[in-house]
């Protein structure tokens, strides 16, 4: 009996050893197959094998969450692996550092803002020189070798702000402006667009411009300082998503109401304030469409398709008559 038991146990051990060797060989063969496919330009696995990085201006900001949502859904549709990163608070230097990290990690493509030509263009070109296509989103870097730009025509968006000022004031008023950042090209372009319209009306004048640094608290502080210094201001314009709400809070605390306030983007709080009549109007971008379009264009690029240089996603002016439309942008 003992000999039979030992013999049977030996067979079992031998069987388990052979099974282990077979499974290991199968796994190894699978990995080798994926490697061969990738080296020959045919990624293995269930998705396309492409890994792209989207660098946001500020993580967890409502605007960038909508960009992320659009990009994530498009990536799932096309079988692309997408990674989201960005500073917790607006910080251009940190964005550039994250861009450098994405290049060093050899991402298959990068989506990033081109906030400042002098700072961003050399790093974008570095990525392209290493074979990494770059799409600029929200803010362009036209002097760079980027593949394409997806986002708002920011000068035209600023002109939409200006036309709304004219419409609501009858072409008469003293204007204070809060911009997101004097270093960010998209903000400066919106200010230029606003100025393009205002300068055509002798009854309108921009008396002060200040920066919120894309911060709600800073928008409150800068708006309050501006209103104290310029009691003649009766119109306030914000060019980034946090600005109009900061202006509203400052004007209420200083009892400078009613105040004509025109903002930017479609944050839920902004839409609610328009519904109440506290904010007159806002110029809303389409961040979901920006994210989805950027990923779609990279998919088309990976398929060998030729892309145009610019893809403008458009804006929509929202006031009390159509504010509900802002929820779907």
C-alpha atoms as a PDB file:
ATOM      1  CA  UNK A   1       0.000   0.000   0.000  1.00  0.00           C
ATOM      2  CA  UNK A   2       2.804   2.417   0.861  1.00  0.00           C
ATOM      3  CA  UNK A   3       4.528   1.854  -2.473  1.00  0.00           C
ATOM      4  CA  UNK A   4       1.281   2.365  -4.403  1.00  0.00           C
ATOM      5  CA  UNK A   5       0.587   5.594  -2.481  1.00  0.00           C
ATOM      6  CA  UNK A   6       4.090   6.901  -3.196  1.00  0.00           C
ATOM      7  CA  UNK A   7       3.725   5.989  -6.855  1.00  0.00           C
ATOM      8  CA  UNK A   8       0.338   7.731  -7.079  1.00  0.00           C
ATOM      9  CA  UNK A   9       1.663  10.839  -5.335  1.00  0.00           C
ATOM     10  CA  UNK A  10       4.561  10.952  -7.766  1.00  0.00           C
ATOM     11  CA  UNK A  11       2.188  10.915 -10.719  1.00  0.00           C
ATOM     12  CA  UNK A  12       0.185  13.794  -9.219  1.00  0.00           C
ATOM     13  CA  UNK A  13       3.323  15.879  -8.594  1.00  0.00           C
ATOM     14  CA  UNK A  14       4.531  15.212 -12.139  1.00  0.00           C
ATOM     15  CA  UNK A  15       1.121  16.213 -13.536  1.00  0.00           C
ATOM     16  CA  UNK A  16       1.086  19.468 -11.534  1.00  0.00           C
ATOM     17  CA  UNK A  17       4.636  20.277 -12.667  1.00  0.00           C
ATOM     18  CA  UNK A  18       3.737  19.716 -16.317  1.00  0.00           C
ATOM     19  CA  UNK A  19       0.576  21.840 -15.926  1.00  0.00           C
ATOM     20  CA  UNK A  20       2.594  24.672 -14.384  1.00  0.00           C
ATOM     21  CA  UNK A  21       5.151  24.534 -17.195  1.00  0.00           C
ATOM     22  CA  UNK A  22       2.391  24.559 -19.822  1.00  0.00           C
ATOM     23  CA  UNK A  23       0.619  27.569 -18.266  1.00  0.00           C
ATOM     24  CA  UNK A  24       3.897  29.471 -17.931  1.00  0.00           C
ATOM     25  CA  UNK A  25       4.734  28.718 -21.568  1.00  0.00           C
ATOM     26  CA  UNK A  26       1.294  29.898 -22.698  1.00  0.00           C
ATOM     27  CA  UNK A  27       1.603  33.148 -20.746  1.00  0.00           C
ATOM     28  CA  UNK A  28       5.113  33.706 -22.066  1.00  0.00           C
ATOM     29  CA  UNK A  29       3.932  33.045 -25.625  1.00  0.00           C
ATOM     30  CA  UNK A  30       1.078  35.507 -25.168  1.00  0.00           C
ATOM     31  CA  UNK A  31       3.428  38.202 -23.905  1.00  0.00           C
ATOM     32  CA  UNK A  32       5.813  37.546 -26.750  1.00  0.00           C
ATOM     33  CA  UNK A  33       2.935  37.767 -29.211  1.00  0.00           C
ATOM     34  CA  UNK A  34       1.936  41.165 -27.820  1.00  0.00           C
ATOM     35  CA  UNK A  35       5.527  42.375 -28.016  1.00  0.00           C
ATOM     36  CA  UNK A  36       5.840  41.208 -31.619  1.00  0.00           C
ATOM     37  CA  UNK A  37       2.552  42.901 -32.497  1.00  0.00           C
ATOM     38  CA  UNK A  38       3.618  46.165 -30.873  1.00  0.00           C
ATOM     39  CA  UNK A  39       7.012  46.118 -32.598  1.00  0.00           C
ATOM     40  CA  UNK A  40       5.302  45.572 -35.940  1.00  0.00           C
ATOM     41  CA  UNK A  41       2.876  48.434 -35.333  1.00  0.00           C
ATOM     42  CA  UNK A  42      -0.100  46.285 -34.270  1.00  0.00           C
ATOM     43  CA  UNK A  43      -0.689  46.723 -30.514  1.00  0.00           C
ATOM     44  CA  UNK A  44      -1.853  43.676 -28.591  1.00  0.00           C
ATOM     45  CA  UNK A  45      -4.651  43.396 -26.051  1.00  0.00           C
ATOM     46  CA  UNK A  46      -8.308  44.361 -26.291  1.00  0.00           C
ATOM     47  CA  UNK A  47      -7.725  48.089 -26.947  1.00  0.00           C
ATOM     48  CA  UNK A  48      -5.636  49.899 -29.520  1.00  0.00           C
ATOM     49  CA  UNK A  49      -2.611  49.924 -27.221  1.00  0.00           C
ATOM     50  CA  UNK A  50      -2.290  53.709 -27.457  1.00  0.00           C
ATOM     51  CA  UNK A  51      -1.715  55.609 -24.220  1.00  0.00           C
ATOM     52  CA  UNK A  52      -2.401  59.353 -24.264  1.00  0.00           C
ATOM     53  CA  UNK A  53      -2.062  61.997 -21.564  1.00  0.00           C
ATOM     54  CA  UNK A  54      -4.383  64.992 -21.081  1.00  0.00           C
ATOM     55  CA  UNK A  55      -2.816  67.737 -18.948  1.00  0.00           C
ATOM     56  CA  UNK A  56      -5.479  69.960 -17.405  1.00  0.00           C
ATOM     57  CA  UNK A  57      -5.069  73.519 -16.192  1.00  0.00           C
ATOM     58  CA  UNK A  58      -6.590  72.627 -12.822  1.00  0.00           C
ATOM     59  CA  UNK A  59      -7.742  69.192 -11.667  1.00  0.00           C
ATOM     60  CA  UNK A  60     -11.243  68.885 -10.216  1.00  0.00           C
ATOM     61  CA  UNK A  61     -12.290  72.277 -11.611  1.00  0.00           C
ATOM     62  CA  UNK A  62     -15.863  72.000 -13.030  1.00  0.00           C
ATOM     63  CA  UNK A  63     -14.754  73.184 -16.471  1.00  0.00           C
ATOM     64  CA  UNK A  64     -11.921  70.652 -16.695  1.00  0.00           C
ATOM     65  CA  UNK A  65     -14.135  67.914 -15.303  1.00  0.00           C
ATOM     66  CA  UNK A  66     -16.362  68.406 -18.362  1.00  0.00           C
ATOM     67  CA  UNK A  67     -13.313  68.304 -20.666  1.00  0.00           C
ATOM     68  CA  UNK A  68     -12.265  65.094 -18.897  1.00  0.00           C
ATOM     69  CA  UNK A  69     -15.729  63.555 -19.235  1.00  0.00           C
ATOM     70  CA  UNK A  70     -15.797  64.141 -22.988  1.00  0.00           C
ATOM     71  CA  UNK A  71     -12.251  62.825 -23.431  1.00  0.00           C
ATOM     72  CA  UNK A  72     -12.888  59.743 -21.274  1.00  0.00           C
ATOM     73  CA  UNK A  73     -16.009  58.732 -23.185  1.00  0.00           C
ATOM     74  CA  UNK A  74     -14.302  59.218 -26.542  1.00  0.00           C
ATOM     75  CA  UNK A  75     -11.274  57.217 -25.369  1.00  0.00           C
ATOM     76  CA  UNK A  76     -13.556  54.339 -24.336  1.00  0.00           C
ATOM     77  CA  UNK A  77     -15.250  54.478 -27.747  1.00  0.00           C
ATOM     78  CA  UNK A  78     -11.962  54.239 -29.638  1.00  0.00           C
ATOM     79  CA  UNK A  79     -10.203  51.800 -27.296  1.00  0.00           C
ATOM     80  CA  UNK A  80      -7.575  54.313 -26.197  1.00  0.00           C
ATOM     81  CA  UNK A  81      -6.027  54.358 -22.730  1.00  0.00           C
ATOM     82  CA  UNK A  82      -6.137  57.930 -21.393  1.00  0.00           C
ATOM     83  CA  UNK A  83      -4.451  59.422 -18.340  1.00  0.00           C
ATOM     84  CA  UNK A  84      -5.550  62.705 -16.750  1.00  0.00           C
ATOM     85  CA  UNK A  85      -3.197  64.931 -14.804  1.00  0.00           C
ATOM     86  CA  UNK A  86      -2.764  68.581 -13.876  1.00  0.00           C
ATOM     87  CA  UNK A  87      -2.025  70.944 -10.995  1.00  0.00           C
ATOM     88  CA  UNK A  88      -4.494  70.945  -8.099  1.00  0.00           C
ATOM     89  CA  UNK A  89      -4.471  74.729  -8.410  1.00  0.00           C
ATOM     90  CA  UNK A  90      -3.659  76.778 -11.501  1.00  0.00           C
ATOM     91  CA  UNK A  91       0.129  76.713 -11.893  1.00  0.00           C
ATOM     92  CA  UNK A  92       1.724  77.165 -15.314  1.00  0.00           C
ATOM     93  CA  UNK A  93       5.154  75.931 -14.246  1.00  0.00           C
ATOM     94  CA  UNK A  94       3.666  72.722 -12.873  1.00  0.00           C
ATOM     95  CA  UNK A  95       1.787  72.200 -16.145  1.00  0.00           C
ATOM     96  CA  UNK A  96       5.056  72.464 -18.057  1.00  0.00           C
ATOM     97  CA  UNK A  97       6.695  70.020 -15.624  1.00  0.00           C
ATOM     98  CA  UNK A  98       3.862  67.540 -16.223  1.00  0.00           C
ATOM     99  CA  UNK A  99       4.296  68.009 -19.969  1.00  0.00           C
ATOM    100  CA  UNK A 100       7.986  67.168 -19.600  1.00  0.00           C
ATOM    101  CA  UNK A 101       7.071  64.040 -17.586  1.00  0.00           C
ATOM    102  CA  UNK A 102       4.637  62.880 -20.276  1.00  0.00           C
ATOM    103  CA  UNK A 103       7.397  63.269 -22.870  1.00  0.00           C
ATOM    104  CA  UNK A 104       9.878  61.351 -20.706  1.00  0.00           C
ATOM    105  CA  UNK A 105       7.297  58.576 -20.202  1.00  0.00           C
ATOM    106  CA  UNK A 106       6.994  58.289 -24.004  1.00  0.00           C
ATOM    107  CA  UNK A 107       3.232  58.785 -24.160  1.00  0.00           C
ATOM    108  CA  UNK A 108       1.757  58.016 -27.576  1.00  0.00           C
ATOM    109  CA  UNK A 109       0.148  61.470 -27.680  1.00  0.00           C
ATOM    110  CA  UNK A 110      -0.427  64.489 -25.436  1.00  0.00           C
ATOM    111  CA  UNK A 111      -3.332  66.922 -25.094  1.00  0.00           C
ATOM    112  CA  UNK A 112      -2.366  70.183 -23.379  1.00  0.00           C
ATOM    113  CA  UNK A 113      -3.059  73.912 -23.309  1.00  0.00           C
ATOM    114  CA  UNK A 114      -0.692  76.344 -24.984  1.00  0.00           C
ATOM    115  CA  UNK A 115      -1.147  79.016 -22.340  1.00  0.00           C
ATOM    116  CA  UNK A 116       2.024  80.949 -23.044  1.00  0.00           C
ATOM    117  CA  UNK A 117       3.906  80.821 -26.360  1.00  0.00           C
ATOM    118  CA  UNK A 118       7.321  81.514 -24.858  1.00  0.00           C
ATOM    119  CA  UNK A 119       7.006  78.801 -22.215  1.00  0.00           C
ATOM    120  CA  UNK A 120       4.945  76.111 -23.943  1.00  0.00           C
ATOM    121  CA  UNK A 121       6.085  76.199 -27.573  1.00  0.00           C
ATOM    122  CA  UNK A 122       9.628  74.823 -26.956  1.00  0.00           C
ATOM    123  CA  UNK A 123       8.304  71.939 -24.847  1.00  0.00           C
ATOM    124  CA  UNK A 124       5.537  71.090 -27.324  1.00  0.00           C
ATOM    125  CA  UNK A 125       8.143  71.085 -30.093  1.00  0.00           C
ATOM    126  CA  UNK A 126      10.345  68.814 -27.968  1.00  0.00           C
ATOM    127  CA  UNK A 127       7.499  66.286 -27.782  1.00  0.00           C
ATOM    128  CA  UNK A 128       6.883  66.429 -31.539  1.00  0.00           C
ATOM    129  CA  UNK A 129      10.616  66.047 -32.264  1.00  0.00           C
ATOM    130  CA  UNK A 130      10.505  62.825 -30.243  1.00  0.00           C
ATOM    131  CA  UNK A 131       7.625  61.490 -32.300  1.00  0.00           C
ATOM    132  CA  UNK A 132       4.848  62.366 -29.839  1.00  0.00           C
ATOM    133  CA  UNK A 133       1.908  64.190 -31.481  1.00  0.00           C
ATOM    134  CA  UNK A 134       0.451  67.059 -29.440  1.00  0.00           C
ATOM    135  CA  UNK A 135      -3.024  68.562 -29.648  1.00  0.00           C
ATOM    136  CA  UNK A 136      -3.534  71.899 -27.928  1.00  0.00           C
ATOM    137  CA  UNK A 137      -6.880  72.304 -26.189  1.00  0.00           C
ATOM    138  CA  UNK A 138      -8.667  75.405 -24.832  1.00  0.00           C
ATOM    139  CA  UNK A 139      -5.666  77.622 -25.669  1.00  0.00           C
ATOM    140  CA  UNK A 140      -3.574  77.324 -28.817  1.00  0.00           C
ATOM    141  CA  UNK A 141       0.170  77.478 -29.412  1.00  0.00           C
ATOM    142  CA  UNK A 142       0.067  78.284 -33.134  1.00  0.00           C
ATOM    143  CA  UNK A 143       3.816  78.887 -33.441  1.00  0.00           C
ATOM    144  CA  UNK A 144       4.529  75.363 -32.191  1.00  0.00           C
ATOM    145  CA  UNK A 145       4.583  72.152 -34.197  1.00  0.00           C
ATOM    146  CA  UNK A 146       1.402  70.925 -32.548  1.00  0.00           C
ATOM    147  CA  UNK A 147      -0.830  68.653 -34.605  1.00  0.00           C
ATOM    148  CA  UNK A 148      -4.045  70.673 -34.198  1.00  0.00           C
ATOM    149  CA  UNK A 149      -5.919  73.033 -31.872  1.00  0.00           C
ATOM    150  CA  UNK A 150      -9.321  72.193 -30.402  1.00  0.00           C
ATOM    151  CA  UNK A 151     -11.292  74.813 -28.521  1.00  0.00           C
ATOM    152  CA  UNK A 152     -12.813  78.246 -28.494  1.00  0.00           C
ATOM    153  CA  UNK A 153     -11.925  81.083 -30.829  1.00  0.00           C
ATOM    154  CA  UNK A 154     -11.088  83.255 -27.837  1.00  0.00           C
ATOM    155  CA  UNK A 155     -11.025  86.600 -29.629  1.00  0.00           C
ATOM    156  CA  UNK A 156     -14.495  85.871 -31.037  1.00  0.00           C
ATOM    157  CA  UNK A 157     -15.654  84.829 -27.548  1.00  0.00           C
ATOM    158  CA  UNK A 158     -14.424  88.153 -26.157  1.00  0.00           C
ATOM    159  CA  UNK A 159     -16.314  89.965 -28.901  1.00  0.00           C
ATOM    160  CA  UNK A 160     -19.445  88.046 -27.837  1.00  0.00           C
ATOM    161  CA  UNK A 161     -18.890  89.434 -24.325  1.00  0.00           C
ATOM    162  CA  UNK A 162     -18.612  92.921 -25.821  1.00  0.00           C
ATOM    163  CA  UNK A 163     -21.814  92.603 -27.829  1.00  0.00           C
ATOM    164  CA  UNK A 164     -23.628  91.454 -24.705  1.00  0.00           C
ATOM    165  CA  UNK A 165     -22.322  94.522 -22.845  1.00  0.00           C
ATOM    166  CA  UNK A 166     -23.655  96.757 -25.623  1.00  0.00           C
ATOM    167  CA  UNK A 167     -26.999  94.957 -25.674  1.00  0.00           C
ATOM    168  CA  UNK A 168     -27.557  95.177 -21.914  1.00  0.00           C
ATOM    169  CA  UNK A 169     -26.306  98.748 -21.413  1.00  0.00           C
ATOM    170  CA  UNK A 170     -27.447 100.446 -24.592  1.00  0.00           C
ATOM    171  CA  UNK A 171     -23.835 101.349 -25.293  1.00  0.00           C
ATOM    172  CA  UNK A 172     -23.274 103.418 -22.144  1.00  0.00           C
ATOM    173  CA  UNK A 173     -21.359 102.446 -19.005  1.00  0.00           C
ATOM    174  CA  UNK A 174     -18.109 102.187 -17.092  1.00  0.00           C
ATOM    175  CA  UNK A 175     -16.700  98.684 -17.219  1.00  0.00           C
ATOM    176  CA  UNK A 176     -14.519  96.750 -14.819  1.00  0.00           C
ATOM    177  CA  UNK A 177     -12.960  93.500 -16.050  1.00  0.00           C
ATOM    178  CA  UNK A 178     -11.686  90.497 -14.113  1.00  0.00           C
ATOM    179  CA  UNK A 179      -9.585  88.139 -16.245  1.00  0.00           C
ATOM    180  CA  UNK A 180      -8.374  84.688 -15.244  1.00  0.00           C
ATOM    181  CA  UNK A 181      -4.689  85.473 -15.751  1.00  0.00           C
ATOM    182  CA  UNK A 182      -2.693  88.156 -17.512  1.00  0.00           C
ATOM    183  CA  UNK A 183      -0.150  85.441 -18.419  1.00  0.00           C
ATOM    184  CA  UNK A 184      -2.658  83.122 -20.123  1.00  0.00           C
ATOM    185  CA  UNK A 185      -3.077  83.847 -23.803  1.00  0.00           C
ATOM    186  CA  UNK A 186      -6.720  82.752 -23.956  1.00  0.00           C
ATOM    187  CA  UNK A 187      -7.609  85.304 -21.258  1.00  0.00           C
ATOM    188  CA  UNK A 188      -5.728  88.103 -23.006  1.00  0.00           C
ATOM    189  CA  UNK A 189      -7.413  87.186 -26.299  1.00  0.00           C
ATOM    190  CA  UNK A 190     -10.858  87.429 -24.693  1.00  0.00           C
ATOM    191  CA  UNK A 191      -9.958  90.808 -23.248  1.00  0.00           C
ATOM    192  CA  UNK A 192      -8.800  91.943 -26.699  1.00  0.00           C
ATOM    193  CA  UNK A 193     -12.064  90.754 -28.237  1.00  0.00           C
ATOM    194  CA  UNK A 194     -14.062  92.633 -25.615  1.00  0.00           C
ATOM    195  CA  UNK A 195     -12.001  95.777 -26.273  1.00  0.00           C
ATOM    196  CA  UNK A 196     -12.569  95.425 -30.029  1.00  0.00           C
ATOM    197  CA  UNK A 197     -16.300  95.952 -29.482  1.00  0.00           C
ATOM    198  CA  UNK A 198     -16.169  98.482 -26.635  1.00  0.00           C
ATOM    199  CA  UNK A 199     -13.895 100.893 -28.522  1.00  0.00           C
ATOM    200  CA  UNK A 200     -16.630 101.391 -31.135  1.00  0.00           C
ATOM    201  CA  UNK A 201     -18.955 102.994 -28.551  1.00  0.00           C
ATOM    202  CA  UNK A 202     -18.040 106.391 -27.148  1.00  0.00           C
ATOM    203  CA  UNK A 203     -20.351 105.864 -24.176  1.00  0.00           C
ATOM    204  CA  UNK A 204     -18.492 102.752 -23.036  1.00  0.00           C
ATOM    205  CA  UNK A 205     -15.095 102.640 -21.335  1.00  0.00           C
ATOM    206  CA  UNK A 206     -13.025  99.936 -19.625  1.00  0.00           C
ATOM    207  CA  UNK A 207     -11.708 101.649 -16.505  1.00  0.00           C
ATOM    208  CA  UNK A 208      -9.845  98.781 -14.794  1.00  0.00           C
ATOM    209  CA  UNK A 209      -8.631  95.236 -15.492  1.00  0.00           C
ATOM    210  CA  UNK A 210      -7.449  92.791 -12.820  1.00  0.00           C
ATOM    211  CA  UNK A 211      -6.529  89.114 -12.595  1.00  0.00           C
ATOM    212  CA  UNK A 212      -8.175  86.426 -10.457  1.00  0.00           C
ATOM    213  CA  UNK A 213      -5.537  83.752 -11.163  1.00  0.00           C
ATOM    214  CA  UNK A 214      -8.462  81.365 -11.857  1.00  0.00           C
ATOM    215  CA  UNK A 215      -9.351  81.586  -8.142  1.00  0.00           C
ATOM    216  CA  UNK A 216     -12.830  82.297  -6.772  1.00  0.00           C
ATOM    217  CA  UNK A 217     -11.451  83.913  -3.606  1.00  0.00           C
ATOM    218  CA  UNK A 218      -9.035  86.065  -5.608  1.00  0.00           C
ATOM    219  CA  UNK A 219     -11.882  87.106  -7.919  1.00  0.00           C
ATOM    220  CA  UNK A 220     -13.856  88.300  -4.888  1.00  0.00           C
ATOM    221  CA  UNK A 221     -10.871  90.238  -3.528  1.00  0.00           C
ATOM    222  CA  UNK A 222      -9.905  91.856  -6.836  1.00  0.00           C
ATOM    223  CA  UNK A 223     -13.505  92.777  -7.671  1.00  0.00           C
ATOM    224  CA  UNK A 224     -14.023  94.307  -4.208  1.00  0.00           C
ATOM    225  CA  UNK A 225     -10.817  96.366  -4.489  1.00  0.00           C
ATOM    226  CA  UNK A 226     -11.814  97.519  -7.959  1.00  0.00           C
ATOM    227  CA  UNK A 227     -15.322  98.551  -6.923  1.00  0.00           C
ATOM    228  CA  UNK A 228     -13.996 100.488  -3.920  1.00  0.00           C
ATOM    229  CA  UNK A 229     -11.483 102.323  -6.090  1.00  0.00           C
ATOM    230  CA  UNK A 230     -13.938 103.019  -8.933  1.00  0.00           C
ATOM    231  CA  UNK A 231     -17.410 103.869  -7.631  1.00  0.00           C
ATOM    232  CA  UNK A 232     -18.399 104.834 -11.205  1.00  0.00           C
ATOM    233  CA  UNK A 233     -18.255 101.205 -12.431  1.00  0.00           C
ATOM    234  CA  UNK A 234     -21.719  99.895 -13.265  1.00  0.00           C
ATOM    235  CA  UNK A 235     -20.779  96.929 -15.484  1.00  0.00           C
ATOM    236  CA  UNK A 236     -18.502  94.042 -14.530  1.00  0.00           C
ATOM    237  CA  UNK A 237     -17.221  91.430 -16.973  1.00  0.00           C
ATOM    238  CA  UNK A 238     -15.403  88.188 -16.113  1.00  0.00           C
ATOM    239  CA  UNK A 239     -13.425  86.230 -18.702  1.00  0.00           C
ATOM    240  CA  UNK A 240     -12.926  82.957 -16.790  1.00  0.00           C
ATOM    241  CA  UNK A 241     -15.422  80.635 -15.138  1.00  0.00           C
ATOM    242  CA  UNK A 242     -14.766  81.766 -11.557  1.00  0.00           C
ATOM    243  CA  UNK A 243     -14.876  85.514 -12.159  1.00  0.00           C
ATOM    244  CA  UNK A 244     -18.569  86.423 -12.416  1.00  0.00           C
ATOM    245  CA  UNK A 245     -19.422  84.563  -9.208  1.00  0.00           C
ATOM    246  CA  UNK A 246     -16.609  86.363  -7.400  1.00  0.00           C
ATOM    247  CA  UNK A 247     -17.852  89.708  -8.738  1.00  0.00           C
ATOM    248  CA  UNK A 248     -21.375  88.879  -7.597  1.00  0.00           C
ATOM    249  CA  UNK A 249     -20.260  88.135  -4.061  1.00  0.00           C
ATOM    250  CA  UNK A 250     -18.117  91.298  -3.915  1.00  0.00           C
ATOM    251  CA  UNK A 251     -20.890  93.545  -5.246  1.00  0.00           C
ATOM    252  CA  UNK A 252     -23.374  92.172  -2.733  1.00  0.00           C
ATOM    253  CA  UNK A 253     -20.992  92.589   0.199  1.00  0.00           C
ATOM    254  CA  UNK A 254     -20.376  96.213  -0.843  1.00  0.00           C
ATOM    255  CA  UNK A 255     -24.090  96.752  -1.522  1.00  0.00           C
ATOM    256  CA  UNK A 256     -23.284  97.687  -5.130  1.00  0.00           C
ATOM    257  CA  UNK A 257     -26.529  96.283  -6.483  1.00  0.00           C
ATOM    258  CA  UNK A 258     -28.042  96.146  -8.976  1.00  0.00           C
ATOM    259  CA  UNK A 259     -24.879  95.595 -10.989  1.00  0.00           C
ATOM    260  CA  UNK A 260     -24.719  94.377 -14.585  1.00  0.00           C
ATOM    261  CA  UNK A 261     -22.516  91.271 -14.458  1.00  0.00           C
ATOM    262  CA  UNK A 262     -21.553  89.276 -17.540  1.00  0.00           C
ATOM    263  CA  UNK A 263     -19.525  86.121 -17.074  1.00  0.00           C
ATOM    264  CA  UNK A 264     -17.895  83.243 -18.869  1.00  0.00           C
ATOM    265  CA  UNK A 265     -18.607  79.504 -18.979  1.00  0.00           C
ATOM    266  CA  UNK A 266     -21.542  77.512 -17.679  1.00  0.00           C
ATOM    267  CA  UNK A 267     -20.815  76.521 -14.090  1.00  0.00           C
ATOM    268  CA  UNK A 268     -23.962  75.395 -12.289  1.00  0.00           C
ATOM    269  CA  UNK A 269     -23.708  78.297  -9.826  1.00  0.00           C
ATOM    270  CA  UNK A 270     -23.454  80.782 -12.700  1.00  0.00           C
ATOM    271  CA  UNK A 271     -26.535  79.342 -14.406  1.00  0.00           C
ATOM    272  CA  UNK A 272     -28.462  79.477 -11.115  1.00  0.00           C
ATOM    273  CA  UNK A 273     -27.449  83.137 -10.620  1.00  0.00           C
ATOM    274  CA  UNK A 274     -28.683  83.960 -14.136  1.00  0.00           C
ATOM    275  CA  UNK A 275     -32.004  82.277 -13.352  1.00  0.00           C
ATOM    276  CA  UNK A 276     -32.324  84.445 -10.213  1.00  0.00           C
ATOM    277  CA  UNK A 277     -31.403  87.590 -12.126  1.00  0.00           C
ATOM    278  CA  UNK A 278     -28.173  88.163 -10.157  1.00  0.00           C
ATOM    279  CA  UNK A 279     -25.950  87.661 -13.232  1.00  0.00           C
ATOM    280  CA  UNK A 280     -27.141  89.092 -16.534  1.00  0.00           C
ATOM    281  CA  UNK A 281     -25.569  86.645 -18.968  1.00  0.00           C
ATOM    282  CA  UNK A 282     -22.618  84.368 -19.645  1.00  0.00           C
ATOM    283  CA  UNK A 283     -20.681  83.263 -22.713  1.00  0.00           C
ATOM    284  CA  UNK A 284     -20.518  79.482 -22.456  1.00  0.00           C
ATOM    285  CA  UNK A 285     -17.886  77.287 -24.047  1.00  0.00           C
ATOM    286  CA  UNK A 286     -18.309  73.576 -24.854  1.00  0.00           C
ATOM    287  CA  UNK A 287     -15.709  71.775 -22.729  1.00  0.00           C
ATOM    288  CA  UNK A 288     -17.263  68.315 -23.155  1.00  0.00           C
ATOM    289  CA  UNK A 289     -17.048  68.696 -26.933  1.00  0.00           C
ATOM    290  CA  UNK A 290     -13.431  69.909 -26.669  1.00  0.00           C
ATOM    291  CA  UNK A 291     -12.350  66.777 -24.796  1.00  0.00           C
ATOM    292  CA  UNK A 292     -14.274  64.417 -27.055  1.00  0.00           C
ATOM    293  CA  UNK A 293     -13.030  66.097 -30.241  1.00  0.00           C
ATOM    294  CA  UNK A 294      -9.372  66.091 -29.156  1.00  0.00           C
ATOM    295  CA  UNK A 295      -9.421  62.337 -28.535  1.00  0.00           C
ATOM    296  CA  UNK A 296     -11.337  61.663 -31.762  1.00  0.00           C
ATOM    297  CA  UNK A 297      -8.735  63.605 -33.739  1.00  0.00           C
ATOM    298  CA  UNK A 298      -5.899  61.608 -32.189  1.00  0.00           C
ATOM    299  CA  UNK A 299      -7.715  58.404 -33.117  1.00  0.00           C
ATOM    300  CA  UNK A 300      -8.000  59.657 -36.697  1.00  0.00           C
ATOM    301  CA  UNK A 301      -4.322  60.611 -36.673  1.00  0.00           C
ATOM    302  CA  UNK A 302      -3.373  57.119 -35.477  1.00  0.00           C
ATOM    303  CA  UNK A 303      -5.370  55.778 -38.436  1.00  0.00           C
ATOM    304  CA  UNK A 304      -3.261  57.857 -40.816  1.00  0.00           C
ATOM    305  CA  UNK A 305      -5.869  60.528 -41.553  1.00  0.00           C
ATOM    306  CA  UNK A 306      -4.890  64.127 -42.303  1.00  0.00           C
ATOM    307  CA  UNK A 307      -6.126  66.748 -39.816  1.00  0.00           C
ATOM    308  CA  UNK A 308      -6.931  70.409 -40.187  1.00  0.00           C
ATOM    309  CA  UNK A 309      -4.972  72.937 -38.137  1.00  0.00           C
ATOM    310  CA  UNK A 310      -7.862  74.284 -36.034  1.00  0.00           C
ATOM    311  CA  UNK A 311     -11.181  72.947 -34.789  1.00  0.00           C
ATOM    312  CA  UNK A 312     -13.294  75.659 -33.151  1.00  0.00           C
ATOM    313  CA  UNK A 313     -15.984  74.282 -30.852  1.00  0.00           C
ATOM    314  CA  UNK A 314     -18.051  77.482 -30.644  1.00  0.00           C
ATOM    315  CA  UNK A 315     -19.677  79.399 -27.789  1.00  0.00           C
ATOM    316  CA  UNK A 316     -23.246  80.147 -26.776  1.00  0.00           C
ATOM    317  CA  UNK A 317     -24.554  83.288 -25.057  1.00  0.00           C
ATOM    318  CA  UNK A 318     -26.874  82.360 -22.192  1.00  0.00           C
ATOM    319  CA  UNK A 319     -29.256  84.724 -20.437  1.00  0.00           C
ATOM    320  CA  UNK A 320     -32.486  84.265 -18.490  1.00  0.00           C
ATOM    321  CA  UNK A 321     -34.385  83.331 -21.664  1.00  0.00           C
ATOM    322  CA  UNK A 322     -32.261  80.285 -22.533  1.00  0.00           C
ATOM    323  CA  UNK A 323     -30.201  79.540 -19.416  1.00  0.00           C
ATOM    324  CA  UNK A 324     -31.444  75.943 -19.243  1.00  0.00           C
ATOM    325  CA  UNK A 325     -29.499  75.167 -22.436  1.00  0.00           C
ATOM    326  CA  UNK A 326     -26.252  75.670 -20.552  1.00  0.00           C
ATOM    327  CA  UNK A 327     -26.709  72.445 -18.599  1.00  0.00           C
ATOM    328  CA  UNK A 328     -26.038  70.302 -21.659  1.00  0.00           C
ATOM    329  CA  UNK A 329     -22.867  72.027 -22.919  1.00  0.00           C
END
